[in-house]
Amino acid sequence: MITAFVMIQVEADRIPECAQEISELQGISEVYSVAGDWDLIAIARVRKHEDLADVIANQLSKVQGVQETNTQIAFRAYSDHDLEAAFSIGLE
């Protein structure tokens, strides 16, 4: 699985709409509104690099209001605390 963090600048009056539209894209697992130089950060999780190119270049970047993106591809995860918590819900 390939994980990428996509920092996104959008038109100020379209932040909620862009966040919602981006969150509905196949391959995007989460979208956060953030403070700082970027308006949104999306987490993409896909099987192949080609899928990542499709999600970002062909879909996310074409959402109305998206002005700029910067993508960081993760090499390795050092903590699976969140994954363990997600899979242990209801199990005791």
N, C-alpha and C. Protein backbone atom coordinates (compact mmCIF):
# COMPACT_ATOMS: atom_id res chain seq x y z
N MET A 1 0.85 -1.18 0.00
CA MET A 1 0.00 0.00 0.00
C MET A 1 0.89 1.24 0.00
N ILE A 2 0.59 2.17 -0.85
CA ILE A 2 1.31 3.44 -0.94
C ILE A 2 0.50 4.51 -0.22
N THR A 3 1.16 5.22 0.68
CA THR A 3 0.51 6.31 1.41
C THR A 3 1.18 7.61 1.01
N ALA A 4 0.37 8.63 0.75
CA ALA A 4 0.90 9.94 0.41
C ALA A 4 0.11 11.01 1.17
N PHE A 5 0.80 12.06 1.53
CA PHE A 5 0.20 13.21 2.19
C PHE A 5 0.18 14.34 1.17
N VAL A 6 -1.01 14.88 0.91
CA VAL A 6 -1.16 15.90 -0.12
C VAL A 6 -1.58 17.19 0.55
N MET A 7 -0.68 18.18 0.51
CA MET A 7 -1.01 19.50 1.02
C MET A 7 -1.69 20.27 -0.11
N ILE A 8 -2.77 20.96 0.24
CA ILE A 8 -3.61 21.56 -0.79
C ILE A 8 -3.94 23.00 -0.43
N GLN A 9 -3.76 23.90 -1.39
CA GLN A 9 -4.23 25.27 -1.25
C GLN A 9 -5.47 25.41 -2.12
N VAL A 10 -6.51 26.01 -1.54
CA VAL A 10 -7.76 26.18 -2.27
C VAL A 10 -8.24 27.62 -2.14
N GLU A 11 -9.20 27.98 -2.98
CA GLU A 11 -9.82 29.29 -2.85
C GLU A 11 -10.48 29.37 -1.47
N ALA A 12 -10.27 30.47 -0.78
CA ALA A 12 -10.71 30.61 0.62
C ALA A 12 -12.20 30.34 0.81
N ASP A 13 -13.01 30.74 -0.14
CA ASP A 13 -14.46 30.55 0.02
C ASP A 13 -14.93 29.16 -0.39
N ARG A 14 -14.00 28.27 -0.77
CA ARG A 14 -14.37 26.91 -1.19
C ARG A 14 -13.75 25.83 -0.31
N ILE A 15 -13.18 26.20 0.82
CA ILE A 15 -12.50 25.20 1.66
C ILE A 15 -13.43 24.06 2.06
N PRO A 16 -14.60 24.32 2.64
CA PRO A 16 -15.45 23.18 3.04
C PRO A 16 -15.91 22.33 1.86
N GLU A 17 -16.28 22.99 0.76
CA GLU A 17 -16.74 22.25 -0.41
C GLU A 17 -15.62 21.40 -1.01
N CYS A 18 -14.42 21.99 -1.11
CA CYS A 18 -13.28 21.24 -1.64
C CYS A 18 -12.95 20.04 -0.75
N ALA A 19 -12.96 20.26 0.56
CA ALA A 19 -12.66 19.18 1.50
C ALA A 19 -13.64 18.03 1.32
N GLN A 20 -14.92 18.35 1.18
CA GLN A 20 -15.94 17.32 1.02
C GLN A 20 -15.75 16.57 -0.31
N GLU A 21 -15.55 17.31 -1.40
CA GLU A 21 -15.38 16.68 -2.71
C GLU A 21 -14.13 15.80 -2.74
N ILE A 22 -13.04 16.28 -2.15
CA ILE A 22 -11.80 15.51 -2.13
C ILE A 22 -11.97 14.25 -1.29
N SER A 23 -12.69 14.36 -0.18
CA SER A 23 -12.87 13.20 0.70
C SER A 23 -13.67 12.09 0.02
N GLU A 24 -14.42 12.41 -1.00
CA GLU A 24 -15.23 11.43 -1.71
C GLU A 24 -14.48 10.74 -2.86
N LEU A 25 -13.26 11.19 -3.14
CA LEU A 25 -12.49 10.58 -4.23
C LEU A 25 -11.99 9.20 -3.84
N GLN A 26 -12.07 8.26 -4.78
CA GLN A 26 -11.52 6.93 -4.56
C GLN A 26 -10.02 7.06 -4.35
N GLY A 27 -9.51 6.50 -3.26
CA GLY A 27 -8.09 6.57 -2.96
C GLY A 27 -7.74 7.59 -1.88
N ILE A 28 -8.67 8.47 -1.56
CA ILE A 28 -8.45 9.44 -0.48
C ILE A 28 -9.12 8.89 0.77
N SER A 29 -8.31 8.70 1.82
CA SER A 29 -8.87 8.11 3.04
C SER A 29 -9.29 9.16 4.07
N GLU A 30 -8.63 10.32 4.07
CA GLU A 30 -8.93 11.35 5.05
C GLU A 30 -8.59 12.72 4.47
N VAL A 31 -9.30 13.74 4.94
CA VAL A 31 -9.01 15.12 4.58
C VAL A 31 -9.14 15.96 5.85
N TYR A 32 -8.13 16.79 6.10
CA TYR A 32 -8.12 17.65 7.28
C TYR A 32 -8.01 19.11 6.85
N SER A 33 -8.76 20.00 7.51
CA SER A 33 -8.49 21.43 7.36
C SER A 33 -7.42 21.75 8.39
N VAL A 34 -6.45 22.57 8.00
CA VAL A 34 -5.30 22.82 8.86
C VAL A 34 -4.93 24.31 8.86
N ALA A 35 -4.17 24.70 9.86
CA ALA A 35 -3.63 26.05 9.94
C ALA A 35 -2.24 26.04 9.31
N GLY A 36 -1.79 27.18 8.85
CA GLY A 36 -0.45 27.27 8.28
C GLY A 36 -0.48 27.64 6.81
N ASP A 37 0.53 27.20 6.08
CA ASP A 37 0.68 27.57 4.68
C ASP A 37 -0.33 26.88 3.76
N TRP A 38 -0.91 25.79 4.22
CA TRP A 38 -1.84 25.00 3.40
C TRP A 38 -3.22 25.05 4.03
N ASP A 39 -4.24 24.87 3.20
CA ASP A 39 -5.62 24.90 3.68
C ASP A 39 -6.12 23.52 4.10
N LEU A 40 -5.72 22.51 3.32
CA LEU A 40 -6.17 21.15 3.55
C LEU A 40 -4.99 20.19 3.44
N ILE A 41 -5.07 19.08 4.15
CA ILE A 41 -4.14 17.98 3.95
C ILE A 41 -4.97 16.73 3.75
N ALA A 42 -4.73 16.05 2.63
CA ALA A 42 -5.43 14.80 2.33
C ALA A 42 -4.45 13.65 2.45
N ILE A 43 -4.95 12.52 2.91
CA ILE A 43 -4.14 11.31 2.95
C ILE A 43 -4.67 10.37 1.88
N ALA A 44 -3.78 10.02 0.97
CA ALA A 44 -4.13 9.10 -0.11
C ALA A 44 -3.51 7.74 0.19
N ARG A 45 -4.29 6.70 0.00
CA ARG A 45 -3.78 5.33 0.17
C ARG A 45 -4.21 4.54 -1.06
N VAL A 46 -3.22 4.11 -1.83
CA VAL A 46 -3.48 3.40 -3.09
C VAL A 46 -2.54 2.20 -3.21
N ARG A 47 -2.82 1.33 -4.15
CA ARG A 47 -2.02 0.13 -4.33
C ARG A 47 -0.77 0.35 -5.19
N LYS A 48 -0.89 1.21 -6.21
CA LYS A 48 0.22 1.41 -7.15
C LYS A 48 0.49 2.89 -7.35
N HIS A 49 1.72 3.20 -7.77
CA HIS A 49 2.07 4.60 -8.05
C HIS A 49 1.17 5.17 -9.15
N GLU A 50 0.82 4.35 -10.12
CA GLU A 50 -0.05 4.82 -11.19
C GLU A 50 -1.40 5.28 -10.64
N ASP A 51 -1.87 4.57 -9.60
CA ASP A 51 -3.14 4.96 -8.97
C ASP A 51 -3.00 6.31 -8.28
N LEU A 52 -1.84 6.55 -7.67
CA LEU A 52 -1.60 7.82 -7.00
C LEU A 52 -1.60 8.96 -8.02
N ALA A 53 -0.96 8.73 -9.15
CA ALA A 53 -0.94 9.74 -10.21
C ALA A 53 -2.35 10.05 -10.68
N ASP A 54 -3.19 9.02 -10.78
CA ASP A 54 -4.56 9.24 -11.21
C ASP A 54 -5.34 10.04 -10.18
N VAL A 55 -5.24 9.65 -8.92
CA VAL A 55 -6.00 10.33 -7.86
C VAL A 55 -5.63 11.80 -7.77
N ILE A 56 -4.32 12.09 -7.80
CA ILE A 56 -3.89 13.47 -7.59
C ILE A 56 -3.96 14.30 -8.88
N ALA A 57 -3.33 13.83 -9.93
CA ALA A 57 -3.26 14.62 -11.16
C ALA A 57 -4.57 14.66 -11.93
N ASN A 58 -5.29 13.55 -11.95
CA ASN A 58 -6.49 13.49 -12.78
C ASN A 58 -7.78 13.79 -12.04
N GLN A 59 -7.77 13.71 -10.72
CA GLN A 59 -9.00 13.93 -9.98
C GLN A 59 -8.90 15.09 -8.98
N LEU A 60 -8.04 14.95 -7.98
CA LEU A 60 -7.94 15.96 -6.92
C LEU A 60 -7.61 17.34 -7.48
N SER A 61 -6.64 17.41 -8.35
CA SER A 61 -6.21 18.71 -8.86
C SER A 61 -7.27 19.38 -9.73
N LYS A 62 -8.29 18.61 -10.15
CA LYS A 62 -9.35 19.16 -10.99
C LYS A 62 -10.60 19.55 -10.20
N VAL A 63 -10.57 19.37 -8.88
CA VAL A 63 -11.69 19.81 -8.04
C VAL A 63 -11.74 21.33 -8.11
N GLN A 64 -12.92 21.86 -8.37
CA GLN A 64 -13.08 23.31 -8.50
C GLN A 64 -12.63 24.00 -7.22
N GLY A 65 -11.70 24.94 -7.35
CA GLY A 65 -11.20 25.70 -6.20
C GLY A 65 -9.80 25.31 -5.78
N VAL A 66 -9.33 24.12 -6.20
CA VAL A 66 -7.97 23.70 -5.86
C VAL A 66 -6.99 24.55 -6.67
N GLN A 67 -6.05 25.19 -5.98
CA GLN A 67 -5.09 26.07 -6.64
C GLN A 67 -3.69 25.48 -6.74
N GLU A 68 -3.29 24.71 -5.72
CA GLU A 68 -1.93 24.17 -5.69
C GLU A 68 -1.90 22.94 -4.79
N THR A 69 -1.05 21.99 -5.16
CA THR A 69 -0.85 20.81 -4.31
C THR A 69 0.63 20.54 -4.16
N ASN A 70 0.97 19.85 -3.07
CA ASN A 70 2.34 19.40 -2.83
C ASN A 70 2.21 18.02 -2.20
N THR A 71 2.77 17.02 -2.86
CA THR A 71 2.58 15.63 -2.42
C THR A 71 3.86 15.06 -1.84
N GLN A 72 3.71 14.45 -0.67
CA GLN A 72 4.82 13.77 0.00
C GLN A 72 4.47 12.29 0.08
N ILE A 73 5.31 11.43 -0.48
CA ILE A 73 5.07 9.99 -0.45
C ILE A 73 5.78 9.40 0.76
N ALA A 74 5.05 8.61 1.53
CA ALA A 74 5.61 7.98 2.73
C ALA A 74 6.41 6.74 2.32
N PHE A 75 7.59 6.58 2.91
CA PHE A 75 8.41 5.39 2.68
C PHE A 75 8.07 4.29 3.67
N ARG A 76 7.90 4.67 4.93
CA ARG A 76 7.72 3.68 6.00
C ARG A 76 6.91 4.29 7.13
N ALA A 77 6.06 3.48 7.74
CA ALA A 77 5.32 3.91 8.93
C ALA A 77 6.02 3.36 10.16
N TYR A 78 6.23 4.18 11.14
CA TYR A 78 6.93 3.76 12.35
C TYR A 78 6.00 3.48 13.51
N SER A 79 4.72 3.82 13.36
CA SER A 79 3.78 3.56 14.43
C SER A 79 2.50 3.00 13.84
N ASP A 80 2.06 1.84 14.33
CA ASP A 80 0.78 1.35 13.88
C ASP A 80 -0.23 1.39 15.02
N HIS A 81 -0.04 2.32 15.93
CA HIS A 81 -0.96 2.49 17.06
C HIS A 81 -2.39 2.69 16.56
N ASP A 82 -2.59 3.59 15.60
CA ASP A 82 -3.92 3.86 15.10
C ASP A 82 -4.51 2.65 14.39
N LEU A 83 -3.70 1.92 13.65
CA LEU A 83 -4.20 0.73 12.96
C LEU A 83 -4.61 -0.34 13.96
N GLU A 84 -3.82 -0.54 14.98
CA GLU A 84 -4.17 -1.52 16.01
C GLU A 84 -5.48 -1.14 16.68
N ALA A 85 -5.66 0.14 16.98
CA ALA A 85 -6.89 0.60 17.63
C ALA A 85 -8.09 0.38 16.72
N ALA A 86 -7.94 0.66 15.44
CA ALA A 86 -9.04 0.52 14.49
C ALA A 86 -9.49 -0.93 14.36
N PHE A 87 -8.56 -1.86 14.35
CA PHE A 87 -8.88 -3.26 14.16
C PHE A 87 -9.29 -3.97 15.45
N SER A 88 -9.10 -3.32 16.59
CA SER A 88 -9.45 -3.98 17.85
C SER A 88 -10.79 -3.49 18.41
N ILE A 89 -11.49 -2.65 17.66
CA ILE A 89 -12.77 -2.13 18.14
C ILE A 89 -13.74 -3.30 18.35
N GLY A 90 -14.29 -3.38 19.51
CA GLY A 90 -15.27 -4.42 19.82
C GLY A 90 -14.66 -5.74 20.22
N LEU A 91 -13.35 -5.88 20.19
CA LEU A 91 -12.70 -7.13 20.58
C LEU A 91 -12.07 -6.97 21.94
N GLU A 92 -12.36 -7.89 22.82
CA GLU A 92 -11.76 -7.80 24.15
C GLU A 92 -11.29 -9.15 24.63
